[in-house]
């Protein structure tokens, strides 16, 4: 993961230089925002491919149900028939997972780097990890957003700003998950509906609790990512509207 941490650190430093004219505080704030935007824009083609795959799978649902009925009790024959159907239609049932697999380590890396930028770290060897110089580390770890340290939390000097960002993070997370559910056809299975409902409400609530220990910089990153995700999903839904398979 150190390669990813170094890559993210270099992106932050590049954007900090670009926005240097904003001053020592806002340049780091802008750097965090634009690193998130850079990563999300770079991953956009994968999300488009994911949406196309989901819509293709939706179109195949009637045929898949027919195969399940025809090969009931014979999982090997069903698996072979489904594989042949996917091959014939040029659809991969695993394409939906590609963005998550690519996105997860990058976003985790950004989260880790932002949490690493703490003024309490005074060891030069730790400060210069991931390509930072001691001077860059000191400036970034002491940067503020509206007076709240980017390294501060709700309980350590950034209460008012952190509270606003926590509320924004929780709200945008909820809206993102709701819109994500809209991206797919309605869930019929009661158990799946329950799981979907628990996740839609449970994850934002868990962030409300854990958000108090997140640095302001991490809250800013998370909220920015959610806002971009909301816009991206709204655009994808307009371009690839939900298709209700025949026979429903």
C-alpha atoms as a PDB file:
ATOM      1  CA  UNK A   1       0.000   0.000   0.000  1.00  0.00           C
ATOM      2  CA  UNK A   2       2.959   2.364   0.416  1.00  0.00           C
ATOM      3  CA  UNK A   3       2.998   2.889  -3.370  1.00  0.00           C
ATOM      4  CA  UNK A   4      -0.618   4.085  -3.216  1.00  0.00           C
ATOM      5  CA  UNK A   5       0.116   6.280  -0.179  1.00  0.00           C
ATOM      6  CA  UNK A   6       3.030   7.882  -2.034  1.00  0.00           C
ATOM      7  CA  UNK A   7       0.938   8.386  -5.177  1.00  0.00           C
ATOM      8  CA  UNK A   8      -1.855  10.067  -3.189  1.00  0.00           C
ATOM      9  CA  UNK A   9       0.668  12.228  -1.320  1.00  0.00           C
ATOM     10  CA  UNK A  10       2.211  13.395  -4.592  1.00  0.00           C
ATOM     11  CA  UNK A  11      -1.243  14.261  -5.954  1.00  0.00           C
ATOM     12  CA  UNK A  12      -1.986  16.327  -2.854  1.00  0.00           C
ATOM     13  CA  UNK A  13       1.343  18.130  -3.191  1.00  0.00           C
ATOM     14  CA  UNK A  14       0.783  18.832  -6.903  1.00  0.00           C
ATOM     15  CA  UNK A  15      -2.653  20.312  -6.301  1.00  0.00           C
ATOM     16  CA  UNK A  16      -1.276  22.292  -3.360  1.00  0.00           C
ATOM     17  CA  UNK A  17       1.246  23.895  -5.710  1.00  0.00           C
ATOM     18  CA  UNK A  18      -1.494  24.608  -8.279  1.00  0.00           C
ATOM     19  CA  UNK A  19      -3.645  26.329  -5.657  1.00  0.00           C
ATOM     20  CA  UNK A  20      -0.724  27.901  -3.817  1.00  0.00           C
ATOM     21  CA  UNK A  21      -1.981  31.414  -4.601  1.00  0.00           C
ATOM     22  CA  UNK A  22      -4.897  30.790  -2.198  1.00  0.00           C
ATOM     23  CA  UNK A  23      -2.551  30.848   0.778  1.00  0.00           C
ATOM     24  CA  UNK A  24      -1.163  28.248   3.200  1.00  0.00           C
ATOM     25  CA  UNK A  25      -4.567  27.113   4.480  1.00  0.00           C
ATOM     26  CA  UNK A  26      -6.956  27.185   1.530  1.00  0.00           C
ATOM     27  CA  UNK A  27      -4.365  25.715  -0.820  1.00  0.00           C
ATOM     28  CA  UNK A  28      -4.347  22.507   1.256  1.00  0.00           C
ATOM     29  CA  UNK A  29      -8.148  22.520   1.469  1.00  0.00           C
ATOM     30  CA  UNK A  30      -8.377  22.868  -2.317  1.00  0.00           C
ATOM     31  CA  UNK A  31      -5.732  20.160  -2.734  1.00  0.00           C
ATOM     32  CA  UNK A  32      -7.853  17.658  -0.779  1.00  0.00           C
ATOM     33  CA  UNK A  33     -10.960  18.513  -2.799  1.00  0.00           C
ATOM     34  CA  UNK A  34      -9.202  18.252  -6.148  1.00  0.00           C
ATOM     35  CA  UNK A  35      -7.418  15.010  -5.302  1.00  0.00           C
ATOM     36  CA  UNK A  36     -10.846  13.485  -4.681  1.00  0.00           C
ATOM     37  CA  UNK A  37     -12.131  14.928  -7.961  1.00  0.00           C
ATOM     38  CA  UNK A  38      -9.048  13.679  -9.827  1.00  0.00           C
ATOM     39  CA  UNK A  39      -9.525  10.138  -8.558  1.00  0.00           C
ATOM     40  CA  UNK A  40     -13.261  10.106  -9.224  1.00  0.00           C
ATOM     41  CA  UNK A  41     -12.910  11.486 -12.762  1.00  0.00           C
ATOM     42  CA  UNK A  42     -10.195   8.920 -13.521  1.00  0.00           C
ATOM     43  CA  UNK A  43     -12.521   6.136 -12.354  1.00  0.00           C
ATOM     44  CA  UNK A  44     -15.580   7.454 -14.226  1.00  0.00           C
ATOM     45  CA  UNK A  45     -15.136   5.116 -17.254  1.00  0.00           C
ATOM     46  CA  UNK A  46     -15.264   2.140 -14.876  1.00  0.00           C
ATOM     47  CA  UNK A  47     -18.536   3.376 -13.371  1.00  0.00           C
ATOM     48  CA  UNK A  48     -20.012   3.827 -16.851  1.00  0.00           C
ATOM     49  CA  UNK A  49     -19.024   0.261 -17.684  1.00  0.00           C
ATOM     50  CA  UNK A  50     -20.528  -0.888 -14.385  1.00  0.00           C
ATOM     51  CA  UNK A  51     -23.840   0.785 -15.190  1.00  0.00           C
ATOM     52  CA  UNK A  52     -23.924  -0.735 -18.676  1.00  0.00           C
ATOM     53  CA  UNK A  53     -23.290  -4.160 -17.163  1.00  0.00           C
ATOM     54  CA  UNK A  54     -26.081  -3.683 -14.619  1.00  0.00           C
ATOM     55  CA  UNK A  55     -28.538  -2.682 -17.317  1.00  0.00           C
ATOM     56  CA  UNK A  56     -27.502  -5.652 -19.468  1.00  0.00           C
ATOM     57  CA  UNK A  57     -28.046  -7.979 -16.510  1.00  0.00           C
ATOM     58  CA  UNK A  58     -31.488  -6.461 -15.969  1.00  0.00           C
ATOM     59  CA  UNK A  59     -32.424  -7.156 -19.586  1.00  0.00           C
ATOM     60  CA  UNK A  60     -31.384 -10.785 -19.137  1.00  0.00           C
ATOM     61  CA  UNK A  61     -33.511 -11.380 -16.022  1.00  0.00           C
ATOM     62  CA  UNK A  62     -36.441 -13.030 -17.868  1.00  0.00           C
ATOM     63  CA  UNK A  63     -34.069 -15.459 -19.602  1.00  0.00           C
ATOM     64  CA  UNK A  64     -32.231 -16.148 -16.348  1.00  0.00           C
ATOM     65  CA  UNK A  65     -35.499 -16.955 -14.576  1.00  0.00           C
ATOM     66  CA  UNK A  66     -36.433 -19.264 -17.441  1.00  0.00           C
ATOM     67  CA  UNK A  67     -33.095 -21.075 -17.130  1.00  0.00           C
ATOM     68  CA  UNK A  68     -33.566 -21.406 -13.363  1.00  0.00           C
ATOM     69  CA  UNK A  69     -36.954 -23.001 -13.930  1.00  0.00           C
ATOM     70  CA  UNK A  70     -35.682 -25.287 -16.697  1.00  0.00           C
ATOM     71  CA  UNK A  71     -32.649 -26.519 -14.738  1.00  0.00           C
ATOM     72  CA  UNK A  72     -34.191 -26.563 -11.275  1.00  0.00           C
ATOM     73  CA  UNK A  73     -32.367 -29.134  -9.164  1.00  0.00           C
ATOM     74  CA  UNK A  74     -29.380 -29.311 -11.528  1.00  0.00           C
ATOM     75  CA  UNK A  75     -26.923 -26.559 -10.481  1.00  0.00           C
ATOM     76  CA  UNK A  76     -24.198 -27.721 -12.865  1.00  0.00           C
ATOM     77  CA  UNK A  77     -26.479 -27.514 -15.899  1.00  0.00           C
ATOM     78  CA  UNK A  78     -27.799 -24.160 -14.686  1.00  0.00           C
ATOM     79  CA  UNK A  79     -24.278 -22.794 -14.283  1.00  0.00           C
ATOM     80  CA  UNK A  80     -23.284 -23.934 -17.760  1.00  0.00           C
ATOM     81  CA  UNK A  81     -26.441 -22.462 -19.300  1.00  0.00           C
ATOM     82  CA  UNK A  82     -25.935 -19.122 -17.527  1.00  0.00           C
ATOM     83  CA  UNK A  83     -22.298 -18.989 -18.621  1.00  0.00           C
ATOM     84  CA  UNK A  84     -23.325 -19.620 -22.219  1.00  0.00           C
ATOM     85  CA  UNK A  85     -26.001 -16.901 -21.980  1.00  0.00           C
ATOM     86  CA  UNK A  86     -23.485 -14.382 -20.627  1.00  0.00           C
ATOM     87  CA  UNK A  87     -20.997 -15.347 -23.353  1.00  0.00           C
ATOM     88  CA  UNK A  88     -23.574 -15.029 -26.118  1.00  0.00           C
ATOM     89  CA  UNK A  89     -24.784 -11.629 -24.893  1.00  0.00           C
ATOM     90  CA  UNK A  90     -21.284 -10.325 -24.116  1.00  0.00           C
ATOM     91  CA  UNK A  91     -22.148  -9.684 -20.457  1.00  0.00           C
ATOM     92  CA  UNK A  92     -19.912 -10.227 -17.438  1.00  0.00           C
ATOM     93  CA  UNK A  93     -21.704 -10.694 -14.094  1.00  0.00           C
ATOM     94  CA  UNK A  94     -18.507  -9.553 -12.364  1.00  0.00           C
ATOM     95  CA  UNK A  95     -18.146  -6.207 -14.162  1.00  0.00           C
ATOM     96  CA  UNK A  96     -20.113  -4.452 -11.414  1.00  0.00           C
ATOM     97  CA  UNK A  97     -17.393  -5.253  -8.889  1.00  0.00           C
ATOM     98  CA  UNK A  98     -14.494  -3.794 -10.892  1.00  0.00           C
ATOM     99  CA  UNK A  99     -14.987  -0.136  -9.813  1.00  0.00           C
ATOM    100  CA  UNK A 100     -15.141  -1.183  -6.167  1.00  0.00           C
ATOM    101  CA  UNK A 101     -11.974  -3.277  -6.437  1.00  0.00           C
ATOM    102  CA  UNK A 102     -10.087  -0.416  -8.099  1.00  0.00           C
ATOM    103  CA  UNK A 103     -11.592   2.373  -6.027  1.00  0.00           C
ATOM    104  CA  UNK A 104     -11.260   0.827  -2.566  1.00  0.00           C
ATOM    105  CA  UNK A 105      -7.438   0.839  -2.208  1.00  0.00           C
ATOM    106  CA  UNK A 106      -7.169   4.350  -3.683  1.00  0.00           C
ATOM    107  CA  UNK A 107      -9.808   5.851  -1.411  1.00  0.00           C
ATOM    108  CA  UNK A 108      -8.433   3.969   1.587  1.00  0.00           C
ATOM    109  CA  UNK A 109      -4.999   5.339   0.684  1.00  0.00           C
ATOM    110  CA  UNK A 110      -6.337   8.892   0.629  1.00  0.00           C
ATOM    111  CA  UNK A 111      -8.047   8.310   3.974  1.00  0.00           C
ATOM    112  CA  UNK A 112      -4.794   6.961   5.451  1.00  0.00           C
ATOM    113  CA  UNK A 113      -2.639   9.827   4.165  1.00  0.00           C
ATOM    114  CA  UNK A 114      -5.023  12.462   5.516  1.00  0.00           C
ATOM    115  CA  UNK A 115      -5.091  10.787   8.922  1.00  0.00           C
ATOM    116  CA  UNK A 116      -1.297  10.654   8.849  1.00  0.00           C
ATOM    117  CA  UNK A 117      -1.018  14.452   8.533  1.00  0.00           C
ATOM    118  CA  UNK A 118      -1.148  15.165  12.265  1.00  0.00           C
ATOM    119  CA  UNK A 119       0.909  17.825  14.084  1.00  0.00           C
ATOM    120  CA  UNK A 120       1.446  15.360  16.923  1.00  0.00           C
ATOM    121  CA  UNK A 121       3.815  13.416  14.655  1.00  0.00           C
ATOM    122  CA  UNK A 122       7.222  14.950  15.345  1.00  0.00           C
ATOM    123  CA  UNK A 123       9.566  12.140  14.320  1.00  0.00           C
ATOM    124  CA  UNK A 124      11.332  13.256  11.087  1.00  0.00           C
ATOM    125  CA  UNK A 125      11.330   9.689   9.768  1.00  0.00           C
ATOM    126  CA  UNK A 126       7.536   9.531  10.086  1.00  0.00           C
ATOM    127  CA  UNK A 127       7.003  13.034   8.721  1.00  0.00           C
ATOM    128  CA  UNK A 128       8.912  12.236   5.551  1.00  0.00           C
ATOM    129  CA  UNK A 129       7.018   9.038   4.777  1.00  0.00           C
ATOM    130  CA  UNK A 130       5.271   8.779   1.386  1.00  0.00           C
ATOM    131  CA  UNK A 131       7.379  11.492  -0.259  1.00  0.00           C
ATOM    132  CA  UNK A 132       6.660  14.379   2.101  1.00  0.00           C
ATOM    133  CA  UNK A 133       9.376  16.807   3.148  1.00  0.00           C
ATOM    134  CA  UNK A 134       9.439  17.927   6.771  1.00  0.00           C
ATOM    135  CA  UNK A 135       8.408  21.438   5.680  1.00  0.00           C
ATOM    136  CA  UNK A 136       5.470  20.173   3.597  1.00  0.00           C
ATOM    137  CA  UNK A 137       4.333  17.910   6.408  1.00  0.00           C
ATOM    138  CA  UNK A 138       4.469  20.741   8.945  1.00  0.00           C
ATOM    139  CA  UNK A 139       2.502  23.116   6.716  1.00  0.00           C
ATOM    140  CA  UNK A 140      -0.128  20.553   5.738  1.00  0.00           C
ATOM    141  CA  UNK A 141      -0.610  19.236   9.272  1.00  0.00           C
ATOM    142  CA  UNK A 142      -1.095  22.784  10.610  1.00  0.00           C
ATOM    143  CA  UNK A 143      -3.470  23.967   7.850  1.00  0.00           C
ATOM    144  CA  UNK A 144      -6.962  25.065   8.865  1.00  0.00           C
ATOM    145  CA  UNK A 145     -10.450  25.273   7.372  1.00  0.00           C
ATOM    146  CA  UNK A 146     -12.376  28.294   8.656  1.00  0.00           C
ATOM    147  CA  UNK A 147     -10.190  28.244  11.742  1.00  0.00           C
ATOM    148  CA  UNK A 148     -10.524  24.514  12.403  1.00  0.00           C
ATOM    149  CA  UNK A 149      -7.309  22.483  11.993  1.00  0.00           C
ATOM    150  CA  UNK A 150      -7.560  19.978   9.137  1.00  0.00           C
ATOM    151  CA  UNK A 151      -5.956  17.521  11.552  1.00  0.00           C
ATOM    152  CA  UNK A 152      -8.425  18.439  14.324  1.00  0.00           C
ATOM    153  CA  UNK A 153     -11.549  16.479  15.232  1.00  0.00           C
ATOM    154  CA  UNK A 154     -14.914  17.298  16.775  1.00  0.00           C
ATOM    155  CA  UNK A 155     -13.376  16.818  20.210  1.00  0.00           C
ATOM    156  CA  UNK A 156     -10.005  18.455  19.560  1.00  0.00           C
ATOM    157  CA  UNK A 157     -10.320  21.992  18.317  1.00  0.00           C
ATOM    158  CA  UNK A 158     -12.591  21.777  15.305  1.00  0.00           C
ATOM    159  CA  UNK A 159     -16.038  21.281  16.850  1.00  0.00           C
ATOM    160  CA  UNK A 160     -18.147  23.727  14.825  1.00  0.00           C
ATOM    161  CA  UNK A 161     -16.608  22.998  11.415  1.00  0.00           C
ATOM    162  CA  UNK A 162     -16.442  19.268  12.164  1.00  0.00           C
ATOM    163  CA  UNK A 163     -20.119  19.256  13.187  1.00  0.00           C
ATOM    164  CA  UNK A 164     -21.162  20.826   9.879  1.00  0.00           C
ATOM    165  CA  UNK A 165     -18.999  18.397   7.904  1.00  0.00           C
ATOM    166  CA  UNK A 166     -20.257  15.397   9.897  1.00  0.00           C
ATOM    167  CA  UNK A 167     -23.847  16.420   9.147  1.00  0.00           C
ATOM    168  CA  UNK A 168     -22.958  16.890   5.468  1.00  0.00           C
ATOM    169  CA  UNK A 169     -21.118  13.548   5.350  1.00  0.00           C
ATOM    170  CA  UNK A 170     -24.009  11.645   6.941  1.00  0.00           C
ATOM    171  CA  UNK A 171     -26.642  13.329   4.758  1.00  0.00           C
ATOM    172  CA  UNK A 172     -24.747  12.831   1.504  1.00  0.00           C
ATOM    173  CA  UNK A 173     -23.938   9.219   2.417  1.00  0.00           C
ATOM    174  CA  UNK A 174     -27.642   8.532   2.969  1.00  0.00           C
ATOM    175  CA  UNK A 175     -28.623  10.241  -0.288  1.00  0.00           C
ATOM    176  CA  UNK A 176     -25.897   8.381  -2.190  1.00  0.00           C
ATOM    177  CA  UNK A 177     -27.111   5.026  -0.891  1.00  0.00           C
ATOM    178  CA  UNK A 178     -30.730   5.876  -1.662  1.00  0.00           C
ATOM    179  CA  UNK A 179     -29.833   6.894  -5.196  1.00  0.00           C
ATOM    180  CA  UNK A 180     -27.709   3.765  -5.554  1.00  0.00           C
ATOM    181  CA  UNK A 181     -30.777   1.659  -4.728  1.00  0.00           C
ATOM    182  CA  UNK A 182     -32.743   3.532  -7.398  1.00  0.00           C
ATOM    183  CA  UNK A 183     -30.073   2.558  -9.936  1.00  0.00           C
ATOM    184  CA  UNK A 184     -31.250  -1.037  -9.761  1.00  0.00           C
ATOM    185  CA  UNK A 185     -34.572  -2.741 -10.357  1.00  0.00           C
ATOM    186  CA  UNK A 186     -36.770  -3.153  -7.250  1.00  0.00           C
ATOM    187  CA  UNK A 187     -35.645  -5.915  -4.897  1.00  0.00           C
ATOM    188  CA  UNK A 188     -38.236  -8.690  -4.607  1.00  0.00           C
ATOM    189  CA  UNK A 189     -36.669 -10.900  -1.924  1.00  0.00           C
ATOM    190  CA  UNK A 190     -37.812  -9.769   1.572  1.00  0.00           C
ATOM    191  CA  UNK A 191     -34.431 -10.602   3.107  1.00  0.00           C
ATOM    192  CA  UNK A 192     -32.579  -8.552   0.486  1.00  0.00           C
ATOM    193  CA  UNK A 193     -34.997  -5.657   0.998  1.00  0.00           C
ATOM    194  CA  UNK A 194     -34.317  -5.776   4.735  1.00  0.00           C
ATOM    195  CA  UNK A 195     -30.548  -5.837   4.199  1.00  0.00           C
ATOM    196  CA  UNK A 196     -30.798  -2.932   1.752  1.00  0.00           C
ATOM    197  CA  UNK A 197     -32.873  -0.915   4.228  1.00  0.00           C
ATOM    198  CA  UNK A 198     -30.504  -1.654   7.122  1.00  0.00           C
ATOM    199  CA  UNK A 199     -27.490  -0.569   5.062  1.00  0.00           C
ATOM    200  CA  UNK A 200     -29.224   2.569   3.764  1.00  0.00           C
ATOM    201  CA  UNK A 201     -29.918   3.776   7.294  1.00  0.00           C
ATOM    202  CA  UNK A 202     -27.276   1.900   9.277  1.00  0.00           C
ATOM    203  CA  UNK A 203     -24.156   3.097   7.457  1.00  0.00           C
ATOM    204  CA  UNK A 204     -25.025   6.821   7.756  1.00  0.00           C
ATOM    205  CA  UNK A 205     -25.844   6.334  11.445  1.00  0.00           C
ATOM    206  CA  UNK A 206     -22.519   4.579  12.025  1.00  0.00           C
ATOM    207  CA  UNK A 207     -20.740   7.509  10.353  1.00  0.00           C
ATOM    208  CA  UNK A 208     -22.617   9.908  12.632  1.00  0.00           C
ATOM    209  CA  UNK A 209     -21.059   8.128  15.602  1.00  0.00           C
ATOM    210  CA  UNK A 210     -17.577   7.542  14.165  1.00  0.00           C
ATOM    211  CA  UNK A 211     -17.417  10.977  12.540  1.00  0.00           C
ATOM    212  CA  UNK A 212     -16.532  12.611  15.853  1.00  0.00           C
ATOM    213  CA  UNK A 213     -13.085  10.997  15.747  1.00  0.00           C
ATOM    214  CA  UNK A 214     -12.380  11.730  12.066  1.00  0.00           C
ATOM    215  CA  UNK A 215     -10.020  14.627  11.302  1.00  0.00           C
ATOM    216  CA  UNK A 216     -11.606  17.621   9.566  1.00  0.00           C
ATOM    217  CA  UNK A 217      -9.529  16.830   6.461  1.00  0.00           C
ATOM    218  CA  UNK A 218     -11.013  13.330   6.299  1.00  0.00           C
ATOM    219  CA  UNK A 219     -14.542  14.705   6.767  1.00  0.00           C
ATOM    220  CA  UNK A 220     -13.900  17.148   3.926  1.00  0.00           C
ATOM    221  CA  UNK A 221     -12.623  14.331   1.708  1.00  0.00           C
ATOM    222  CA  UNK A 222     -15.602  12.085   2.487  1.00  0.00           C
ATOM    223  CA  UNK A 223     -18.179  14.823   1.902  1.00  0.00           C
ATOM    224  CA  UNK A 224     -16.531  15.880  -1.364  1.00  0.00           C
ATOM    225  CA  UNK A 225     -16.510  12.292  -2.565  1.00  0.00           C
ATOM    226  CA  UNK A 226     -20.190  11.857  -1.713  1.00  0.00           C
ATOM    227  CA  UNK A 227     -21.177  15.056  -3.510  1.00  0.00           C
ATOM    228  CA  UNK A 228     -19.327  13.913  -6.628  1.00  0.00           C
ATOM    229  CA  UNK A 229     -20.900  10.453  -6.344  1.00  0.00           C
ATOM    230  CA  UNK A 230     -24.386  12.001  -6.123  1.00  0.00           C
ATOM    231  CA  UNK A 231     -23.819  14.026  -9.270  1.00  0.00           C
ATOM    232  CA  UNK A 232     -22.278  11.044 -11.037  1.00  0.00           C
ATOM    233  CA  UNK A 233     -25.152   8.714 -10.154  1.00  0.00           C
ATOM    234  CA  UNK A 234     -27.768  11.281 -11.186  1.00  0.00           C
ATOM    235  CA  UNK A 235     -26.017  11.655 -14.551  1.00  0.00           C
ATOM    236  CA  UNK A 236     -25.723   7.894 -15.026  1.00  0.00           C
ATOM    237  CA  UNK A 237     -29.400   7.389 -14.176  1.00  0.00           C
ATOM    238  CA  UNK A 238     -30.415   9.917 -16.811  1.00  0.00           C
ATOM    239  CA  UNK A 239     -28.157   8.305 -19.385  1.00  0.00           C
ATOM    240  CA  UNK A 240     -28.981   4.698 -18.426  1.00  0.00           C
ATOM    241  CA  UNK A 241     -32.499   4.698 -16.903  1.00  0.00           C
ATOM    242  CA  UNK A 242     -33.753   1.718 -14.928  1.00  0.00           C
ATOM    243  CA  UNK A 243     -35.246  -0.956 -17.167  1.00  0.00           C
ATOM    244  CA  UNK A 244     -38.021  -3.131 -15.789  1.00  0.00           C
ATOM    245  CA  UNK A 245     -37.630  -6.586 -17.359  1.00  0.00           C
ATOM    246  CA  UNK A 246     -40.618  -8.039 -19.190  1.00  0.00           C
ATOM    247  CA  UNK A 247     -42.739 -10.398 -17.192  1.00  0.00           C
ATOM    248  CA  UNK A 248     -42.493  -8.519 -13.912  1.00  0.00           C
END
